[in-house]
Amino acid sequence: MREYHIRVARAARYDVLGPEAGSRVREIWYVLHGYGQLASTFVRLFEPVDDGTRLIVAPEALNRFYMVDVATAPAAERPVGATWMTREDRLNEIEDYVAYLDAVAAEVQSRVPPGSTPRVVLLGFSQGGATAARWAALGKLRPTDVVLWGALLPPDLDLMASEQPLREASLHIVIGARDRFVIDSRIADEERRLRRGALAYDLVRYDGGHGIGRGALVELARRLGGTPNE
């Protein structure tokens, strides 16, 4: 058996909250959903921080699937979700989504007036956290802040590399106190890894589970960029 790879063009979609990119935009947030979510529903979680000056861009993962078994319901009734990657052909999957996300950012940036320099925040939730970290490390985007929400850095990133692009951003790790996927022992291991790599970070714990908490989100936005009147 022989296996080959080819490059193909395909349609991808992203959803946006906030004003059209222009002089009113002081922040651009790229928010990456978790496993089994869609951009159109995920982006609505950020309505509490849509203050008229914050452009929120939610790309959707390229791989969609039916989330329940074929015997459960007809296709028209089965919920659909998306995933950034699986273990199959993982290196090509990573390369593909980094290139795709770079293309989204380039299109968004093309709408920003010359001379305007909005703050760029990259936030990834759950599986989208690993995606966000790899995009920041391997892609062209240079965010001011990288937020891993309900997620940790993927183990394949070399934090010891002297030219690790993640060093150029402020790293924030946001974990709910009742998050069943990111337990205390994993957080402790991650903190040891970050210290070994001399990577500065901010760990935020809040009273919540594995999800985007409204109050914690509003507080994060306040801490990162303040309010338009500040």
Protein backbone atom coordinates (compact mmCIF):
# COMPACT_ATOMS: atom_id res chain seq x y z
CA MET A 1 0.00 0.00 0.00
CA ARG A 2 1.18 3.53 -0.79
CA GLU A 3 -0.17 6.73 0.67
CA TYR A 4 -0.04 10.14 -0.99
CA HIS A 5 -1.10 13.66 -0.03
CA ILE A 6 -2.40 16.45 -2.23
CA ARG A 7 -3.31 20.06 -1.50
CA VAL A 8 -6.88 21.12 -2.27
CA ALA A 9 -8.79 24.38 -2.03
CA ARG A 10 -11.91 24.31 0.10
CA ALA A 11 -14.45 26.67 1.65
CA ALA A 12 -14.15 27.51 5.33
CA ARG A 13 -16.28 29.78 7.48
CA TYR A 14 -15.91 32.08 10.45
CA ASP A 15 -18.37 34.13 12.46
CA VAL A 16 -17.89 37.65 13.76
CA LEU A 17 -19.31 39.79 16.58
CA GLY A 18 -18.74 43.50 16.91
CA PRO A 19 -18.18 46.42 14.57
CA GLU A 20 -16.76 46.24 11.10
CA ALA A 21 -12.98 46.41 11.26
CA GLY A 22 -12.24 50.11 11.24
CA SER A 23 -11.30 53.03 13.39
CA ARG A 24 -13.67 51.97 16.21
CA VAL A 25 -11.89 48.65 16.71
CA ARG A 26 -9.39 48.81 19.55
CA GLU A 27 -9.16 45.03 20.09
CA ILE A 28 -9.44 41.98 17.85
CA TRP A 29 -10.17 38.71 19.59
CA TYR A 30 -9.70 35.43 17.73
CA VAL A 31 -11.68 32.80 19.65
CA LEU A 32 -11.28 29.10 18.85
CA HIS A 33 -14.04 26.70 19.87
CA GLY A 34 -13.72 23.34 21.56
CA TYR A 35 -14.37 19.81 20.33
CA GLY A 36 -17.85 19.27 18.92
CA GLN A 37 -18.78 22.95 18.84
CA LEU A 38 -19.59 25.26 15.92
CA ALA A 39 -18.40 28.82 15.48
CA SER A 40 -21.93 30.25 15.19
CA THR A 41 -22.90 29.09 18.69
CA PHE A 42 -19.48 29.53 20.29
CA VAL A 43 -19.14 33.17 19.26
CA ARG A 44 -22.39 34.04 21.08
CA LEU A 45 -20.69 33.21 24.37
CA PHE A 46 -18.67 36.40 23.87
CA GLU A 47 -21.66 38.74 23.62
CA PRO A 48 -21.01 39.99 27.19
CA VAL A 49 -17.70 41.54 26.04
CA ASP A 50 -19.03 42.90 22.73
CA ASP A 51 -18.78 46.55 23.72
CA GLY A 52 -18.72 48.14 20.27
CA THR A 53 -14.94 48.44 20.13
CA ARG A 54 -14.00 44.77 20.35
CA LEU A 55 -14.09 42.70 17.14
CA ILE A 56 -14.57 39.01 17.97
CA VAL A 57 -13.68 36.54 15.23
CA ALA A 58 -14.59 32.86 15.60
CA PRO A 59 -13.12 30.57 12.92
CA GLU A 60 -14.73 27.15 12.60
CA ALA A 61 -12.64 23.99 12.48
CA LEU A 62 -12.41 22.40 9.04
CA ASN A 63 -13.65 18.95 10.09
CA ARG A 64 -17.38 18.58 10.84
CA PHE A 65 -19.16 15.42 11.95
CA TYR A 66 -22.50 14.12 13.25
CA MET A 67 -22.29 13.96 17.02
CA VAL A 68 -24.63 11.03 17.60
CA ASP A 69 -24.77 7.56 16.13
CA VAL A 70 -26.48 7.02 12.79
CA ALA A 71 -29.07 4.82 14.50
CA THR A 72 -30.06 7.57 16.92
CA ALA A 73 -31.81 9.90 14.49
CA PRO A 74 -32.06 10.70 10.77
CA ALA A 75 -29.32 12.92 9.37
CA ALA A 76 -31.56 15.98 9.30
CA GLU A 77 -32.01 15.76 13.08
CA ARG A 78 -28.52 14.77 14.23
CA PRO A 79 -26.50 17.59 15.82
CA VAL A 80 -23.31 18.59 14.00
CA GLY A 81 -20.04 19.61 15.60
CA ALA A 82 -16.53 20.32 14.40
CA THR A 83 -13.06 19.23 15.47
CA TRP A 84 -9.71 20.84 14.79
CA MET A 85 -7.94 17.51 14.38
CA THR A 86 -7.72 13.88 15.39
CA ARG A 87 -4.73 11.59 15.79
CA GLU A 88 -5.01 10.59 12.11
CA ASP A 89 -2.51 12.36 9.84
CA ARG A 90 -2.03 14.84 12.69
CA LEU A 91 0.96 16.75 11.34
CA ASN A 92 -0.85 17.59 8.11
CA GLU A 93 -3.97 18.50 10.08
CA ILE A 94 -1.92 20.93 12.17
CA GLU A 95 -0.25 22.43 9.11
CA ASP A 96 -3.65 22.82 7.43
CA TYR A 97 -5.36 24.57 10.31
CA VAL A 98 -2.41 26.89 10.96
CA ALA A 99 -2.46 27.96 7.29
CA TYR A 100 -6.25 28.37 7.42
CA LEU A 101 -6.14 30.48 10.57
CA ASP A 102 -3.36 32.63 9.09
CA ALA A 103 -5.65 33.23 6.09
CA VAL A 104 -8.53 34.28 8.36
CA ALA A 105 -6.29 36.72 10.24
CA ALA A 106 -4.93 38.15 6.98
CA GLU A 107 -8.47 38.77 5.71
CA VAL A 108 -9.52 40.43 8.96
CA GLN A 109 -6.36 42.54 9.04
CA SER A 110 -6.96 43.68 5.46
CA ARG A 111 -10.07 45.52 6.71
CA VAL A 112 -8.17 47.44 9.40
CA PRO A 113 -7.30 50.99 8.32
CA PRO A 114 -3.60 51.68 7.72
CA GLY A 115 -1.92 52.94 10.85
CA SER A 116 -4.49 51.36 13.16
CA THR A 117 -2.98 48.85 15.58
CA PRO A 118 -5.70 47.06 17.55
CA ARG A 119 -4.64 44.87 20.43
CA VAL A 120 -4.84 41.21 19.35
CA VAL A 121 -6.09 38.57 21.79
CA LEU A 122 -6.04 34.87 20.88
CA LEU A 123 -8.31 32.71 23.03
CA GLY A 124 -8.76 28.97 22.68
CA PHE A 125 -11.23 26.90 24.67
CA SER A 126 -10.61 23.21 25.44
CA GLN A 127 -9.40 21.55 22.20
CA GLY A 128 -9.23 25.05 20.73
CA GLY A 129 -6.65 25.89 23.39
CA ALA A 130 -4.09 23.51 21.90
CA THR A 131 -5.01 24.86 18.47
CA ALA A 132 -4.48 28.45 19.63
CA ALA A 133 -1.12 27.61 21.18
CA ARG A 134 0.12 25.90 18.02
CA TRP A 135 -1.14 28.78 15.87
CA ALA A 136 0.74 31.29 18.05
CA ALA A 137 3.89 29.12 17.93
CA LEU A 138 3.80 28.02 14.28
CA GLY A 139 1.76 30.62 12.41
CA LYS A 140 2.12 34.25 11.40
CA LEU A 141 -0.16 35.79 14.01
CA ARG A 142 1.63 37.65 16.81
CA PRO A 143 -1.02 38.23 19.46
CA THR A 144 -0.56 40.50 22.43
CA ASP A 145 -2.23 37.92 24.68
CA VAL A 146 -2.77 34.16 24.40
CA VAL A 147 -5.57 32.78 26.58
CA LEU A 148 -5.93 29.04 27.16
CA TRP A 149 -9.39 28.51 28.66
CA GLY A 150 -10.04 25.05 30.05
CA ALA A 151 -6.84 23.97 28.32
CA LEU A 152 -3.08 23.65 28.70
CA LEU A 153 -0.24 23.95 26.21
CA PRO A 154 0.05 20.90 23.93
CA PRO A 155 2.97 18.62 24.88
CA ASP A 156 4.53 18.79 21.39
CA LEU A 157 5.47 22.48 21.75
CA ASP A 158 9.12 23.03 22.65
CA LEU A 159 9.02 25.54 25.47
CA MET A 160 12.81 25.44 25.83
CA ALA A 161 13.39 26.92 22.37
CA SER A 162 15.01 30.33 22.69
CA GLU A 163 12.97 31.71 19.78
CA GLN A 164 9.63 30.33 20.94
CA PRO A 165 7.05 32.90 19.63
CA LEU A 166 4.88 32.30 22.68
CA ARG A 167 7.44 34.30 24.66
CA GLU A 168 6.34 37.41 22.78
CA ALA A 169 2.78 37.21 24.16
CA SER A 170 1.30 37.39 27.62
CA LEU A 171 0.09 33.88 28.44
CA HIS A 172 -3.08 33.46 30.51
CA ILE A 173 -4.41 30.07 31.64
CA VAL A 174 -8.03 30.17 32.80
CA ILE A 175 -9.37 27.08 34.57
CA GLY A 176 -12.67 26.52 36.34
CA ALA A 177 -12.42 25.15 39.87
CA ARG A 178 -14.75 22.30 38.86
CA ASP A 179 -13.23 21.58 35.43
CA ARG A 180 -13.31 17.79 35.18
CA PHE A 181 -10.79 17.69 32.34
CA VAL A 182 -8.08 19.99 33.74
CA ILE A 183 -7.57 18.72 37.26
CA ASP A 184 -5.16 20.09 39.87
CA SER A 185 -2.44 17.49 39.22
CA ARG A 186 -2.35 18.40 35.53
CA ILE A 187 -2.14 22.09 36.38
CA ALA A 188 0.76 21.44 38.77
CA ASP A 189 2.61 19.48 36.06
CA GLU A 190 1.99 22.30 33.59
CA GLU A 191 3.30 24.93 35.97
CA ARG A 192 6.51 22.92 36.45
CA ARG A 193 6.88 22.66 32.68
CA LEU A 194 6.34 26.40 32.23
CA ARG A 195 8.90 27.20 34.91
CA ARG A 196 11.46 24.90 33.29
CA GLY A 197 10.88 26.70 30.00
CA ALA A 198 11.13 30.08 31.74
CA LEU A 199 7.78 30.99 30.18
CA ALA A 200 5.91 33.66 32.11
CA TYR A 201 2.21 33.02 32.63
CA ASP A 202 -0.84 34.10 34.58
CA LEU A 203 -3.01 31.35 36.11
CA VAL A 204 -6.63 32.35 36.73
CA ARG A 205 -8.97 30.10 38.70
CA TYR A 206 -12.69 30.85 38.92
CA ASP A 207 -15.80 29.19 40.28
CA GLY A 208 -16.97 27.18 37.28
CA GLY A 209 -16.67 23.99 35.30
CA HIS A 210 -15.52 23.18 31.79
CA GLY A 211 -17.05 26.08 29.93
CA ILE A 212 -16.81 29.79 29.27
CA GLY A 213 -18.09 31.48 32.43
CA ARG A 214 -19.75 34.83 31.80
CA GLY A 215 -18.42 36.55 34.90
CA ALA A 216 -14.91 35.21 34.43
CA LEU A 217 -14.97 36.31 30.78
CA VAL A 218 -16.02 39.86 31.63
CA GLU A 219 -13.30 40.05 34.28
CA LEU A 220 -10.69 38.71 31.83
CA ALA A 221 -11.65 41.33 29.23
CA ARG A 222 -11.42 44.05 31.87
CA ARG A 223 -7.97 42.91 32.95
CA LEU A 224 -6.61 42.57 29.42
CA GLY A 225 -7.84 45.75 27.87
CA GLY A 226 -10.01 47.70 30.25
CA THR A 227 -13.15 49.45 29.07
CA PRO A 228 -13.40 52.13 26.35
CA ASN A 229 -13.84 54.80 29.03
CA GLU A 230 -10.72 53.91 31.00
